[in-house]
N, C-alpha and C. Protein backbone atom coordinates (compact mmCIF):
# COMPACT_ATOMS: atom_id res chain seq x y z
N MET A 1 0.08 12.23 25.94
CA MET A 1 1.12 11.42 25.33
C MET A 1 0.47 10.30 24.51
N GLU A 2 0.91 10.17 23.32
CA GLU A 2 0.38 9.12 22.44
C GLU A 2 1.40 8.01 22.30
N THR A 3 0.89 6.80 22.29
CA THR A 3 1.77 5.67 21.96
C THR A 3 1.21 5.06 20.69
N LYS A 4 2.09 4.79 19.79
CA LYS A 4 1.66 4.20 18.52
C LYS A 4 2.11 2.78 18.46
N THR A 5 1.15 1.91 18.20
CA THR A 5 1.47 0.49 18.03
C THR A 5 1.05 0.09 16.63
N LYS A 6 1.74 -0.88 16.11
CA LYS A 6 1.43 -1.35 14.76
C LYS A 6 0.25 -2.30 14.87
N LYS A 7 -0.80 -1.99 14.13
CA LYS A 7 -2.01 -2.83 14.17
C LYS A 7 -1.84 -4.03 13.29
N LYS A 8 -2.33 -5.17 13.75
CA LYS A 8 -2.35 -6.35 12.92
C LYS A 8 -3.58 -6.31 11.99
N PHE A 9 -4.62 -5.73 12.47
CA PHE A 9 -5.86 -5.64 11.73
C PHE A 9 -6.46 -4.25 11.92
N ASP A 10 -6.74 -3.56 10.82
CA ASP A 10 -7.31 -2.23 10.83
C ASP A 10 -8.75 -2.30 10.36
N ALA A 11 -9.70 -2.29 11.27
CA ALA A 11 -11.11 -2.42 10.94
C ALA A 11 -11.61 -1.24 10.13
N VAL A 12 -11.14 -0.04 10.44
CA VAL A 12 -11.59 1.14 9.71
C VAL A 12 -11.13 1.07 8.25
N LYS A 13 -9.90 0.66 8.02
CA LYS A 13 -9.39 0.53 6.65
C LYS A 13 -10.17 -0.54 5.90
N MET A 14 -10.49 -1.64 6.56
CA MET A 14 -11.25 -2.71 5.91
C MET A 14 -12.65 -2.20 5.53
N ALA A 15 -13.31 -1.52 6.46
CA ALA A 15 -14.64 -1.01 6.19
C ALA A 15 -14.64 -0.03 5.03
N ARG A 16 -13.64 0.85 4.99
CA ARG A 16 -13.53 1.81 3.89
C ARG A 16 -13.26 1.12 2.56
N ASP A 17 -12.41 0.09 2.57
CA ASP A 17 -12.13 -0.66 1.35
C ASP A 17 -13.38 -1.33 0.80
N ILE A 18 -14.15 -1.92 1.70
CA ILE A 18 -15.40 -2.60 1.31
C ILE A 18 -16.37 -1.58 0.74
N LYS A 19 -16.50 -0.42 1.43
CA LYS A 19 -17.41 0.64 0.95
C LYS A 19 -17.01 1.16 -0.42
N ASP A 20 -15.70 1.33 -0.62
CA ASP A 20 -15.23 1.86 -1.91
C ASP A 20 -15.48 0.84 -3.04
N LYS A 21 -15.25 -0.45 -2.78
CA LYS A 21 -15.50 -1.47 -3.81
C LYS A 21 -17.01 -1.55 -4.13
N LEU A 22 -17.84 -1.48 -3.11
CA LEU A 22 -19.28 -1.55 -3.33
C LEU A 22 -19.76 -0.30 -4.05
N ASP A 23 -19.24 0.86 -3.70
CA ASP A 23 -19.62 2.08 -4.38
C ASP A 23 -19.22 2.03 -5.86
N ALA A 24 -18.06 1.53 -6.16
CA ALA A 24 -17.62 1.42 -7.54
C ALA A 24 -18.52 0.50 -8.33
N LYS A 25 -18.94 -0.60 -7.71
CA LYS A 25 -19.82 -1.56 -8.40
C LYS A 25 -21.20 -0.97 -8.59
N LEU A 26 -21.76 -0.33 -7.56
CA LEU A 26 -23.13 0.15 -7.61
C LEU A 26 -23.27 1.40 -8.49
N SER A 27 -22.22 2.17 -8.63
CA SER A 27 -22.30 3.39 -9.41
C SER A 27 -22.56 3.12 -10.90
N LYS A 28 -22.26 1.91 -11.33
CA LYS A 28 -22.47 1.55 -12.73
C LYS A 28 -23.82 0.88 -12.99
N MET A 29 -24.62 0.70 -11.93
CA MET A 29 -25.91 -0.01 -12.03
C MET A 29 -27.08 0.90 -11.99
N THR A 30 -28.18 0.44 -12.59
CA THR A 30 -29.44 1.18 -12.49
C THR A 30 -30.10 0.85 -11.16
N SER A 31 -31.16 1.54 -10.84
CA SER A 31 -31.88 1.30 -9.58
C SER A 31 -32.40 -0.14 -9.51
N GLU A 32 -32.91 -0.63 -10.60
CA GLU A 32 -33.46 -1.99 -10.64
C GLU A 32 -32.34 -3.02 -10.43
N GLU A 33 -31.18 -2.78 -11.04
CA GLU A 33 -30.04 -3.67 -10.88
C GLU A 33 -29.51 -3.67 -9.44
N ILE A 34 -29.55 -2.52 -8.80
CA ILE A 34 -29.09 -2.42 -7.40
C ILE A 34 -30.02 -3.22 -6.51
N VAL A 35 -31.32 -3.07 -6.71
CA VAL A 35 -32.28 -3.83 -5.89
C VAL A 35 -32.07 -5.33 -6.10
N ALA A 36 -31.90 -5.76 -7.34
CA ALA A 36 -31.67 -7.17 -7.64
C ALA A 36 -30.36 -7.65 -7.02
N PHE A 37 -29.34 -6.83 -7.05
CA PHE A 37 -28.04 -7.19 -6.45
C PHE A 37 -28.20 -7.46 -4.96
N PHE A 38 -28.90 -6.57 -4.25
CA PHE A 38 -29.02 -6.76 -2.80
C PHE A 38 -29.96 -7.90 -2.46
N LYS A 39 -30.96 -8.14 -3.28
CA LYS A 39 -31.78 -9.33 -3.04
C LYS A 39 -30.98 -10.61 -3.20
N GLU A 40 -30.12 -10.64 -4.21
CA GLU A 40 -29.27 -11.81 -4.45
C GLU A 40 -28.30 -12.00 -3.28
N GLN A 41 -27.73 -10.91 -2.79
CA GLN A 41 -26.81 -10.99 -1.67
C GLN A 41 -27.50 -11.50 -0.41
N ARG A 42 -28.74 -11.07 -0.20
CA ARG A 42 -29.50 -11.53 0.99
C ARG A 42 -29.77 -13.01 0.88
N LEU A 43 -30.04 -13.53 -0.32
CA LEU A 43 -30.30 -14.96 -0.46
C LEU A 43 -29.01 -15.76 -0.25
N LYS A 44 -27.87 -15.23 -0.60
CA LYS A 44 -26.61 -15.93 -0.42
C LYS A 44 -26.30 -16.16 1.05
N THR A 45 -26.69 -15.23 1.91
CA THR A 45 -26.38 -15.34 3.34
C THR A 45 -27.45 -16.11 4.09
N ASN A 46 -28.56 -16.45 3.45
CA ASN A 46 -29.65 -17.19 4.06
C ASN A 46 -30.20 -16.45 5.27
N GLY A 47 -30.08 -15.14 5.29
CA GLY A 47 -30.62 -14.37 6.39
C GLY A 47 -29.83 -14.43 7.67
N VAL A 48 -28.67 -15.03 7.64
CA VAL A 48 -27.83 -15.16 8.82
C VAL A 48 -27.11 -13.83 9.04
N LYS A 49 -27.26 -13.29 10.25
CA LYS A 49 -26.59 -12.04 10.59
C LYS A 49 -25.42 -12.36 11.49
N PRO A 50 -24.36 -11.60 11.39
CA PRO A 50 -23.21 -11.83 12.25
C PRO A 50 -23.59 -11.49 13.70
N SER A 51 -23.03 -12.22 14.63
CA SER A 51 -23.33 -11.95 16.03
C SER A 51 -22.09 -11.45 16.74
N ALA A 52 -22.32 -10.70 17.77
CA ALA A 52 -21.20 -10.12 18.49
C ALA A 52 -20.68 -11.07 19.53
């Protein structure tokens, strides 16, 4: 028996949306541009990783 509840937050949908946006952005870049993009992103976060 399944019970369906309305989710307030759908983590799977959010992850897929982020992946799709990133894929669209990266598909237009060269390899060098992709590397530069991720280096820039790493500097923006100051190496801080999310904790559980």
